[in-house]
């Protein structure tokens, strides 16, 4: 990009906004230092969710061991699922869904 014409006067971006006398300075400070406080309100549900998330993070993962055992059983061919228990759980879930 080529700029053909440019101005010899420097850009006065900040000097136009400068406060010159002490009275104007104090007035500008009073206007800019208005009491502004940030307030955060956390609902009880958010606190409960935070507590639950922290408890889940802090608790040891007991399912990891069970998954490892089941994976080994599947790999070795010794995994025998209880089909009756699986069917009962599916029916129970459907009944709960219909309520």
PDB file of N, CA and C in Angstrom:
ATOM      1  N   UNK A   1       0.845  -1.168   0.000  1.00  0.00           N
ATOM      2  CA  UNK A   1       0.000   0.000   0.000  1.00  0.00           C
ATOM      3  C   UNK A   1       0.896   1.238   0.000  1.00  0.00           C
ATOM      4  N   UNK A   2       0.580   2.184  -0.830  1.00  0.00           N
ATOM      5  CA  UNK A   2       1.381   3.387  -0.951  1.00  0.00           C
ATOM      6  C   UNK A   2       0.558   4.581  -0.503  1.00  0.00           C
ATOM      7  N   UNK A   3       1.161   5.401   0.367  1.00  0.00           N
ATOM      8  CA  UNK A   3       0.486   6.609   0.842  1.00  0.00           C
ATOM      9  C   UNK A   3       1.151   7.781   0.139  1.00  0.00           C
ATOM     10  N   UNK A   4       0.385   8.486  -0.644  1.00  0.00           N
ATOM     11  CA  UNK A   4       0.932   9.584  -1.435  1.00  0.00           C
ATOM     12  C   UNK A   4       1.016  10.882  -0.658  1.00  0.00           C
ATOM     13  N   UNK A   5       0.059  11.165   0.151  1.00  0.00           N
ATOM     14  CA  UNK A   5       0.034  12.445   0.834  1.00  0.00           C
ATOM     15  C   UNK A   5      -0.017  12.189   2.339  1.00  0.00           C
ATOM     16  N   UNK A   6       0.788  12.870   3.077  1.00  0.00           N
ATOM     17  CA  UNK A   6       0.789  12.735   4.520  1.00  0.00           C
ATOM     18  C   UNK A   6       0.933  14.109   5.147  1.00  0.00           C
ATOM     19  N   UNK A   7       0.508  14.185   6.367  1.00  0.00           N
ATOM     20  CA  UNK A   7       0.499  15.464   7.066  1.00  0.00           C
ATOM     21  C   UNK A   7       1.807  15.651   7.815  1.00  0.00           C
ATOM     22  N   UNK A   8       2.298  16.869   7.858  1.00  0.00           N
ATOM     23  CA  UNK A   8       3.515  17.188   8.574  1.00  0.00           C
ATOM     24  C   UNK A   8       3.259  17.399  10.065  1.00  0.00           C
ATOM     25  N   UNK A   9       2.000  17.603  10.459  1.00  0.00           N
ATOM     26  CA  UNK A   9       1.687  17.831  11.874  1.00  0.00           C
ATOM     27  C   UNK A   9       1.521  16.485  12.571  1.00  0.00           C
ATOM     28  N   UNK A  10       2.108  16.360  13.765  1.00  0.00           N
ATOM     29  CA  UNK A  10       1.995  15.086  14.479  1.00  0.00           C
ATOM     30  C   UNK A  10       0.581  14.860  15.006  1.00  0.00           C
ATOM     31  N   UNK A  11       0.235  13.637  15.157  1.00  0.00           N
ATOM     32  CA  UNK A  11      -1.072  13.255  15.673  1.00  0.00           C
ATOM     33  C   UNK A  11      -1.129  13.584  17.163  1.00  0.00           C
ATOM     34  N   UNK A  12      -2.154  14.272  17.578  1.00  0.00           N
ATOM     35  CA  UNK A  12      -2.300  14.668  18.980  1.00  0.00           C
ATOM     36  C   UNK A  12      -3.447  13.884  19.620  1.00  0.00           C
ATOM     37  N   UNK A  13      -3.284  12.617  19.680  1.00  0.00           N
ATOM     38  CA  UNK A  13      -4.357  11.766  20.176  1.00  0.00           C
ATOM     39  C   UNK A  13      -4.609  11.953  21.661  1.00  0.00           C
ATOM     40  N   UNK A  14      -3.564  12.138  22.443  1.00  0.00           N
ATOM     41  CA  UNK A  14      -3.723  12.230  23.895  1.00  0.00           C
ATOM     42  C   UNK A  14      -3.705  13.664  24.407  1.00  0.00           C
ATOM     43  N   UNK A  15      -3.070  14.529  23.716  1.00  0.00           N
ATOM     44  CA  UNK A  15      -2.927  15.894  24.231  1.00  0.00           C
ATOM     45  C   UNK A  15      -4.253  16.643  24.240  1.00  0.00           C
ATOM     46  N   UNK A  16      -5.186  16.305  23.383  1.00  0.00           N
ATOM     47  CA  UNK A  16      -6.479  16.980  23.371  1.00  0.00           C
ATOM     48  C   UNK A  16      -7.301  16.627  24.609  1.00  0.00           C
ATOM     49  N   UNK A  17      -7.069  15.470  25.191  1.00  0.00           N
ATOM     50  CA  UNK A  17      -7.830  15.025  26.345  1.00  0.00           C
ATOM     51  C   UNK A  17      -7.146  15.348  27.662  1.00  0.00           C
ATOM     52  N   UNK A  18      -6.022  16.011  27.640  1.00  0.00           N
ATOM     53  CA  UNK A  18      -5.261  16.311  28.836  1.00  0.00           C
ATOM     54  C   UNK A  18      -5.990  17.358  29.680  1.00  0.00           C
ATOM     55  N   UNK A  19      -6.003  17.150  30.990  1.00  0.00           N
ATOM     56  CA  UNK A  19      -6.611  18.103  31.903  1.00  0.00           C
ATOM     57  C   UNK A  19      -5.529  19.081  32.335  1.00  0.00           C
ATOM     58  N   UNK A  20      -5.797  20.382  32.190  1.00  0.00           N
ATOM     59  CA  UNK A  20      -4.757  21.373  32.426  1.00  0.00           C
ATOM     60  C   UNK A  20      -4.711  21.912  33.848  1.00  0.00           C
ATOM     61  N   UNK A  21      -5.824  22.305  34.417  1.00  0.00           N
ATOM     62  CA  UNK A  21      -5.738  22.922  35.740  1.00  0.00           C
ATOM     63  C   UNK A  21      -6.174  21.948  36.841  1.00  0.00           C
ATOM     64  N   UNK A  22      -5.887  22.305  38.082  1.00  0.00           N
ATOM     65  CA  UNK A  22      -6.135  21.426  39.222  1.00  0.00           C
ATOM     66  C   UNK A  22      -7.617  21.214  39.466  1.00  0.00           C
ATOM     67  N   UNK A  23      -8.435  22.210  39.228  1.00  0.00           N
ATOM     68  CA  UNK A  23      -9.881  22.078  39.450  1.00  0.00           C
ATOM     69  C   UNK A  23     -10.476  21.049  38.486  1.00  0.00           C
ATOM     70  N   UNK A  24     -10.042  21.114  37.257  1.00  0.00           N
ATOM     71  CA  UNK A  24     -10.535  20.142  36.283  1.00  0.00           C
ATOM     72  C   UNK A  24     -10.056  18.730  36.625  1.00  0.00           C
ATOM     73  N   UNK A  25      -8.821  18.624  37.174  1.00  0.00           N
ATOM     74  CA  UNK A  25      -8.290  17.307  37.549  1.00  0.00           C
ATOM     75  C   UNK A  25      -9.127  16.671  38.649  1.00  0.00           C
ATOM     76  N   UNK A  26      -9.429  17.450  39.694  1.00  0.00           N
ATOM     77  CA  UNK A  26     -10.204  16.878  40.799  1.00  0.00           C
ATOM     78  C   UNK A  26     -11.601  16.509  40.345  1.00  0.00           C
ATOM     79  N   UNK A  27     -12.187  17.319  39.467  1.00  0.00           N
ATOM     80  CA  UNK A  27     -13.521  17.002  38.960  1.00  0.00           C
ATOM     81  C   UNK A  27     -13.478  15.729  38.112  1.00  0.00           C
ATOM     82  N   UNK A  28     -12.448  15.573  37.315  1.00  0.00           N
ATOM     83  CA  UNK A  28     -12.309  14.372  36.485  1.00  0.00           C
ATOM     84  C   UNK A  28     -12.086  13.142  37.352  1.00  0.00           C
ATOM     85  N   UNK A  29     -11.308  13.297  38.431  1.00  0.00           N
ATOM     86  CA  UNK A  29     -11.066  12.162  39.329  1.00  0.00           C
ATOM     87  C   UNK A  29     -12.326  11.767  40.069  1.00  0.00           C
ATOM     88  N   UNK A  30     -13.122  12.747  40.492  1.00  0.00           N
ATOM     89  CA  UNK A  30     -14.357  12.433  41.197  1.00  0.00           C
ATOM     90  C   UNK A  30     -15.325  11.701  40.282  1.00  0.00           C
ATOM     91  N   UNK A  31     -15.368  12.102  39.027  1.00  0.00           N
ATOM     92  CA  UNK A  31     -16.252  11.440  38.086  1.00  0.00           C
ATOM     93  C   UNK A  31     -15.782  10.019  37.781  1.00  0.00           C
ATOM     94  N   UNK A  32     -14.470   9.837  37.677  1.00  0.00           N
ATOM     95  CA  UNK A  32     -13.955   8.520  37.307  1.00  0.00           C
ATOM     96  C   UNK A  32     -13.854   7.578  38.492  1.00  0.00           C
ATOM     97  N   UNK A  33     -13.794   8.128  39.727  1.00  0.00           N
ATOM     98  CA  UNK A  33     -13.657   7.251  40.882  1.00  0.00           C
ATOM     99  C   UNK A  33     -14.987   7.031  41.587  1.00  0.00           C
ATOM    100  N   UNK A  34     -16.050   6.999  40.844  1.00  0.00           N
ATOM    101  CA  UNK A  34     -17.359   6.700  41.421  1.00  0.00           C
ATOM    102  C   UNK A  34     -17.307   5.294  42.002  1.00  0.00           C
ATOM    103  N   UNK A  35     -18.015   5.072  43.086  1.00  0.00           N
ATOM    104  CA  UNK A  35     -17.941   3.750  43.715  1.00  0.00           C
ATOM    105  C   UNK A  35     -18.452   2.667  42.760  1.00  0.00           C
ATOM    106  N   UNK A  36     -17.542   1.861  42.304  1.00  0.00           N
ATOM    107  CA  UNK A  36     -17.909   0.769  41.407  1.00  0.00           C
ATOM    108  C   UNK A  36     -17.354  -0.520  41.987  1.00  0.00           C
ATOM    109  N   UNK A  37     -18.229  -1.347  42.490  1.00  0.00           N
ATOM    110  CA  UNK A  37     -17.818  -2.617  43.075  1.00  0.00           C
ATOM    111  C   UNK A  37     -18.477  -3.735  42.295  1.00  0.00           C
ATOM    112  N   UNK A  38     -17.714  -4.749  42.042  1.00  0.00           N
ATOM    113  CA  UNK A  38     -18.258  -5.925  41.387  1.00  0.00           C
ATOM    114  C   UNK A  38     -18.842  -6.832  42.450  1.00  0.00           C
ATOM    115  N   UNK A  39     -20.012  -7.328  42.186  1.00  0.00           N
ATOM    116  CA  UNK A  39     -20.688  -8.206  43.138  1.00  0.00           C
ATOM    117  C   UNK A  39     -21.050  -9.488  42.409  1.00  0.00           C
ATOM    118  N   UNK A  40     -20.754 -10.602  43.040  1.00  0.00           N
ATOM    119  CA  UNK A  40     -21.089 -11.903  42.473  1.00  0.00           C
ATOM    120  C   UNK A  40     -22.056 -12.595  43.423  1.00  0.00           C
ATOM    121  N   UNK A  41     -23.185 -12.988  42.908  1.00  0.00           N
ATOM    122  CA  UNK A  41     -24.161 -13.739  43.694  1.00  0.00           C
ATOM    123  C   UNK A  41     -24.225 -15.149  43.138  1.00  0.00           C
ATOM    124  N   UNK A  42     -23.995 -16.118  44.012  1.00  0.00           N
ATOM    125  CA  UNK A  42     -24.018 -17.512  43.597  1.00  0.00           C
ATOM    126  C   UNK A  42     -25.250 -18.162  44.207  1.00  0.00           C
ATOM    127  N   UNK A  43     -26.055 -18.780  43.368  1.00  0.00           N
ATOM    128  CA  UNK A  43     -27.275 -19.409  43.861  1.00  0.00           C
ATOM    129  C   UNK A  43     -26.944 -20.662  44.650  1.00  0.00           C
ATOM    130  N   UNK A  44     -27.912 -21.125  45.412  1.00  0.00           N
ATOM    131  CA  UNK A  44     -27.698 -22.330  46.212  1.00  0.00           C
ATOM    132  C   UNK A  44     -27.488 -23.540  45.307  1.00  0.00           C
ATOM    133  N   UNK A  45     -28.143 -23.552  44.154  1.00  0.00           N
ATOM    134  CA  UNK A  45     -27.952 -24.665  43.205  1.00  0.00           C
ATOM    135  C   UNK A  45     -26.528 -24.666  42.666  1.00  0.00           C
ATOM    136  N   UNK A  46     -25.991 -23.497  42.388  1.00  0.00           N
ATOM    137  CA  UNK A  46     -24.621 -23.416  41.881  1.00  0.00           C
ATOM    138  C   UNK A  46     -23.631 -23.862  42.947  1.00  0.00           C
ATOM    139  N   UNK A  47     -23.887 -23.470  44.214  1.00  0.00           N
ATOM    140  CA  UNK A  47     -23.016 -23.917  45.304  1.00  0.00           C
ATOM    141  C   UNK A  47     -23.074 -25.425  45.450  1.00  0.00           C
ATOM    142  N   UNK A  48     -24.290 -25.999  45.365  1.00  0.00           N
ATOM    143  CA  UNK A  48     -24.457 -27.441  45.465  1.00  0.00           C
ATOM    144  C   UNK A  48     -23.745 -28.152  44.321  1.00  0.00           C
ATOM    145  N   UNK A  49     -23.865 -27.610  43.127  1.00  0.00           N
ATOM    146  CA  UNK A  49     -23.184 -28.188  41.974  1.00  0.00           C
ATOM    147  C   UNK A  49     -21.675 -28.133  42.151  1.00  0.00           C
ATOM    148  N   UNK A  50     -21.166 -27.021  42.657  1.00  0.00           N
ATOM    149  CA  UNK A  50     -19.734 -26.900  42.903  1.00  0.00           C
ATOM    150  C   UNK A  50     -19.250 -27.893  43.948  1.00  0.00           C
ATOM    151  N   UNK A  51     -20.043 -28.077  44.998  1.00  0.00           N
ATOM    152  CA  UNK A  51     -19.687 -29.043  46.035  1.00  0.00           C
ATOM    153  C   UNK A  51     -19.694 -30.460  45.478  1.00  0.00           C
ATOM    154  N   UNK A  52     -20.697 -30.787  44.672  1.00  0.00           N
ATOM    155  CA  UNK A  52     -20.781 -32.121  44.075  1.00  0.00           C
ATOM    156  C   UNK A  52     -19.622 -32.368  43.118  1.00  0.00           C
ATOM    157  N   UNK A  53     -19.285 -31.371  42.324  1.00  0.00           N
ATOM    158  CA  UNK A  53     -18.171 -31.514  41.381  1.00  0.00           C
ATOM    159  C   UNK A  53     -16.857 -31.722  42.128  1.00  0.00           C
ATOM    160  N   UNK A  54     -16.663 -30.975  43.216  1.00  0.00           N
ATOM    161  CA  UNK A  54     -15.441 -31.125  44.003  1.00  0.00           C
ATOM    162  C   UNK A  54     -15.381 -32.504  44.651  1.00  0.00           C
ATOM    163  N   UNK A  55     -16.522 -32.992  45.158  1.00  0.00           N
ATOM    164  CA  UNK A  55     -16.558 -34.319  45.771  1.00  0.00           C
ATOM    165  C   UNK A  55     -16.247 -35.403  44.741  1.00  0.00           C
ATOM    166  N   UNK A  56     -16.758 -35.245  43.531  1.00  0.00           N
ATOM    167  CA  UNK A  56     -16.484 -36.221  42.474  1.00  0.00           C
ATOM    168  C   UNK A  56     -15.022 -36.194  42.072  1.00  0.00           C
ATOM    169  N   UNK A  57     -14.437 -35.008  42.064  1.00  0.00           N
ATOM    170  CA  UNK A  57     -13.021 -34.881  41.710  1.00  0.00           C
ATOM    171  C   UNK A  57     -12.129 -35.490  42.781  1.00  0.00           C
ATOM    172  N   UNK A  58     -12.510 -35.294  44.045  1.00  0.00           N
ATOM    173  CA  UNK A  58     -11.685 -35.776  45.157  1.00  0.00           C
ATOM    174  C   UNK A  58     -11.835 -37.272  45.417  1.00  0.00           C
ATOM    175  N   UNK A  59     -12.956 -37.869  44.998  1.00  0.00           N
ATOM    176  CA  UNK A  59     -13.194 -39.277  45.312  1.00  0.00           C
ATOM    177  C   UNK A  59     -12.358 -40.183  44.407  1.00  0.00           C
ATOM    178  N   UNK A  60     -11.914 -41.309  44.945  1.00  0.00           N
ATOM    179  CA  UNK A  60     -11.153 -42.246  44.102  1.00  0.00           C
ATOM    180  C   UNK A  60     -12.086 -42.910  43.097  1.00  0.00           C
ATOM    181  N   UNK A  61     -11.556 -43.232  41.956  1.00  0.00           N
ATOM    182  CA  UNK A  61     -12.372 -43.837  40.901  1.00  0.00           C
ATOM    183  C   UNK A  61     -12.422 -45.342  41.109  1.00  0.00           C
ATOM    184  N   UNK A  62     -13.476 -45.816  41.775  1.00  0.00           N
ATOM    185  CA  UNK A  62     -13.600 -47.246  42.070  1.00  0.00           C
ATOM    186  C   UNK A  62     -14.058 -48.029  40.844  1.00  0.00           C
ATOM    187  N   UNK A  63     -14.714 -47.381  39.913  1.00  0.00           N
ATOM    188  CA  UNK A  63     -15.194 -48.076  38.720  1.00  0.00           C
ATOM    189  C   UNK A  63     -14.031 -48.466  37.801  1.00  0.00           C
ATOM    190  N   UNK A  64     -12.927 -47.770  37.905  1.00  0.00           N
ATOM    191  CA  UNK A  64     -11.783 -48.055  37.050  1.00  0.00           C
ATOM    192  C   UNK A  64     -11.306 -49.491  37.246  1.00  0.00           C
ATOM    193  N   UNK A  65     -11.234 -49.921  38.488  1.00  0.00           N
ATOM    194  CA  UNK A  65     -10.810 -51.290  38.779  1.00  0.00           C
ATOM    195  C   UNK A  65     -11.807 -52.300  38.217  1.00  0.00           C
ATOM    196  N   UNK A  66     -13.100 -52.016  38.366  1.00  0.00           N
ATOM    197  CA  UNK A  66     -14.134 -52.926  37.856  1.00  0.00           C
ATOM    198  C   UNK A  66     -14.069 -53.012  36.330  1.00  0.00           C
ATOM    199  N   UNK A  67     -13.863 -51.887  35.682  1.00  0.00           N
ATOM    200  CA  UNK A  67     -13.760 -51.880  34.214  1.00  0.00           C
ATOM    201  C   UNK A  67     -12.546 -52.682  33.773  1.00  0.00           C
ATOM    202  N   UNK A  68     -11.441 -52.525  34.487  1.00  0.00           N
ATOM    203  CA  UNK A  68     -10.234 -53.276  34.156  1.00  0.00           C
ATOM    204  C   UNK A  68     -10.483 -54.788  34.277  1.00  0.00           C
ATOM    205  N   UNK A  69     -11.162 -55.205  35.368  1.00  0.00           N
ATOM    206  CA  UNK A  69     -11.461 -56.625  35.572  1.00  0.00           C
ATOM    207  C   UNK A  69     -12.374 -57.161  34.475  1.00  0.00           C
ATOM    208  N   UNK A  70     -13.421 -56.396  34.142  1.00  0.00           N
ATOM    209  CA  UNK A  70     -14.337 -56.842  33.084  1.00  0.00           C
ATOM    210  C   UNK A  70     -13.638 -56.912  31.732  1.00  0.00           C
ATOM    211  N   UNK A  71     -12.774 -55.968  31.457  1.00  0.00           N
ATOM    212  CA  UNK A  71     -12.032 -55.980  30.195  1.00  0.00           C
ATOM    213  C   UNK A  71     -11.157 -57.230  30.088  1.00  0.00           C
ATOM    214  N   UNK A  72     -10.506 -57.577  31.171  1.00  0.00           N
ATOM    215  CA  UNK A  72      -9.680 -58.786  31.189  1.00  0.00           C
ATOM    216  C   UNK A  72     -10.534 -60.033  30.995  1.00  0.00           C
ATOM    217  N   UNK A  73     -11.709 -60.072  31.620  1.00  0.00           N
ATOM    218  CA  UNK A  73     -12.601 -61.217  31.451  1.00  0.00           C
ATOM    219  C   UNK A  73     -13.069 -61.346  30.007  1.00  0.00           C
ATOM    220  N   UNK A  74     -13.389 -60.220  29.366  1.00  0.00           N
ATOM    221  CA  UNK A  74     -13.824 -60.256  27.969  1.00  0.00           C
ATOM    222  C   UNK A  74     -12.680 -60.728  27.079  1.00  0.00           C
ATOM    223  N   UNK A  75     -11.472 -60.232  27.306  1.00  0.00           N
ATOM    224  CA  UNK A  75     -10.317 -60.629  26.499  1.00  0.00           C
ATOM    225  C   UNK A  75     -10.001 -62.111  26.645  1.00  0.00           C
ATOM    226  N   UNK A  76     -10.135 -62.596  27.862  1.00  0.00           N
ATOM    227  CA  UNK A  76      -9.796 -64.007  28.090  1.00  0.00           C
ATOM    228  C   UNK A  76     -10.949 -64.950  27.748  1.00  0.00           C
ATOM    229  N   UNK A  77     -12.142 -64.395  27.500  1.00  0.00           N
ATOM    230  CA  UNK A  77     -13.283 -65.225  27.136  1.00  0.00           C
ATOM    231  C   UNK A  77     -14.021 -65.806  28.337  1.00  0.00           C
ATOM    232  N   UNK A  78     -13.745 -65.326  29.521  1.00  0.00           N
ATOM    233  CA  UNK A  78     -14.398 -65.851  30.725  1.00  0.00           C
ATOM    234  C   UNK A  78     -15.550 -64.981  31.203  1.00  0.00           C
ATOM    235  N   UNK A  79     -15.862 -63.926  30.492  1.00  0.00           N
ATOM    236  CA  UNK A  79     -16.946 -63.031  30.920  1.00  0.00           C
ATOM    237  C   UNK A  79     -18.282 -63.676  30.599  1.00  0.00           C
ATOM    238  N   UNK A  80     -19.088 -63.866  31.629  1.00  0.00           N
ATOM    239  CA  UNK A  80     -20.428 -64.438  31.473  1.00  0.00           C
ATOM    240  C   UNK A  80     -21.421 -63.488  32.133  1.00  0.00           C
ATOM    241  N   UNK A  81     -22.059 -62.638  31.357  1.00  0.00           N
ATOM    242  CA  UNK A  81     -23.002 -61.686  31.946  1.00  0.00           C
ATOM    243  C   UNK A  81     -24.257 -62.400  32.444  1.00  0.00           C
ATOM    244  N   UNK A  82     -24.875 -61.857  33.484  1.00  0.00           N
ATOM    245  CA  UNK A  82     -26.121 -62.391  34.020  1.00  0.00           C
ATOM    246  C   UNK A  82     -27.264 -61.811  33.188  1.00  0.00           C
ATOM    247  N   UNK A  83     -27.767 -62.592  32.264  1.00  0.00           N
ATOM    248  CA  UNK A  83     -28.784 -62.120  31.325  1.00  0.00           C
ATOM    249  C   UNK A  83     -30.076 -61.761  32.054  1.00  0.00           C
ATOM    250  N   UNK A  84     -30.428 -62.526  33.068  1.00  0.00           N
ATOM    251  CA  UNK A  84     -31.661 -62.252  33.825  1.00  0.00           C
ATOM    252  C   UNK A  84     -31.552 -60.883  34.524  1.00  0.00           C
ATOM    253  N   UNK A  85     -30.417 -60.608  35.135  1.00  0.00           N
ATOM    254  CA  UNK A  85     -30.213 -59.337  35.821  1.00  0.00           C
ATOM    255  C   UNK A  85     -30.248 -58.175  34.825  1.00  0.00           C
ATOM    256  N   UNK A  86     -29.649 -58.372  33.670  1.00  0.00           N
ATOM    257  CA  UNK A  86     -29.660 -57.334  32.634  1.00  0.00           C
ATOM    258  C   UNK A  86     -31.079 -57.047  32.175  1.00  0.00           C
ATOM    259  N   UNK A  87     -31.863 -58.112  31.950  1.00  0.00           N
ATOM    260  CA  UNK A  87     -33.254 -57.948  31.518  1.00  0.00           C
ATOM    261  C   UNK A  87     -34.081 -57.233  32.589  1.00  0.00           C
ATOM    262  N   UNK A  88     -33.873 -57.600  33.844  1.00  0.00           N
ATOM    263  CA  UNK A  88     -34.621 -56.961  34.931  1.00  0.00           C
ATOM    264  C   UNK A  88     -34.284 -55.468  35.017  1.00  0.00           C
ATOM    265  N   UNK A  89     -33.026 -55.133  34.836  1.00  0.00           N
ATOM    266  CA  UNK A  89     -32.628 -53.723  34.873  1.00  0.00           C
ATOM    267  C   UNK A  89     -33.231 -52.942  33.708  1.00  0.00           C
ATOM    268  N   UNK A  90     -33.301 -53.570  32.539  1.00  0.00           N
ATOM    269  CA  UNK A  90     -33.913 -52.900  31.390  1.00  0.00           C
ATOM    270  C   UNK A  90     -35.398 -52.658  31.635  1.00  0.00           C
ATOM    271  N   UNK A  91     -36.079 -53.650  32.171  1.00  0.00           N
ATOM    272  CA  UNK A  91     -37.518 -53.510  32.451  1.00  0.00           C
ATOM    273  C   UNK A  91     -37.719 -52.453  33.535  1.00  0.00           C
ATOM    274  N   UNK A  92     -36.906 -52.471  34.573  1.00  0.00           N
ATOM    275  CA  UNK A  92     -37.013 -51.491  35.645  1.00  0.00           C
ATOM    276  C   UNK A  92     -36.826 -50.079  35.095  1.00  0.00           C
ATOM    277  N   UNK A  93     -35.861 -49.894  34.225  1.00  0.00           N
ATOM    278  CA  UNK A  93     -35.615 -48.579  33.642  1.00  0.00           C
ATOM    279  C   UNK A  93     -36.804 -48.116  32.811  1.00  0.00           C
ATOM    280  N   UNK A  94     -37.424 -49.025  32.070  1.00  0.00           N
ATOM    281  CA  UNK A  94     -38.584 -48.674  31.250  1.00  0.00           C
ATOM    282  C   UNK A  94     -39.777 -48.313  32.133  1.00  0.00           C
ATOM    283  N   UNK A  95     -39.981 -49.053  33.216  1.00  0.00           N
ATOM    284  CA  UNK A  95     -41.086 -48.752  34.127  1.00  0.00           C
ATOM    285  C   UNK A  95     -40.867 -47.389  34.781  1.00  0.00           C
ATOM    286  N   UNK A  96     -39.639 -47.115  35.181  1.00  0.00           N
ATOM    287  CA  UNK A  96     -39.328 -45.812  35.768  1.00  0.00           C
ATOM    288  C   UNK A  96     -39.538 -44.687  34.761  1.00  0.00           C
ATOM    289  N   UNK A  97     -39.251 -44.970  33.500  1.00  0.00           N
ATOM    290  CA  UNK A  97     -39.411 -43.974  32.464  1.00  0.00           C
ATOM    291  C   UNK A  97     -40.884 -43.644  32.254  1.00  0.00           C
ATOM    292  N   UNK A  98     -41.751 -44.634  32.374  1.00  0.00           N
ATOM    293  CA  UNK A  98     -43.190 -44.438  32.139  1.00  0.00           C
ATOM    294  C   UNK A  98     -43.905 -43.735  33.289  1.00  0.00           C
ATOM    295  N   UNK A  99     -43.283 -43.689  34.431  1.00  0.00           N
ATOM    296  CA  UNK A  99     -43.940 -43.054  35.591  1.00  0.00           C
ATOM    297  C   UNK A  99     -44.024 -41.569  35.434  1.00  0.00           C
TER     298      UNK A  99
END
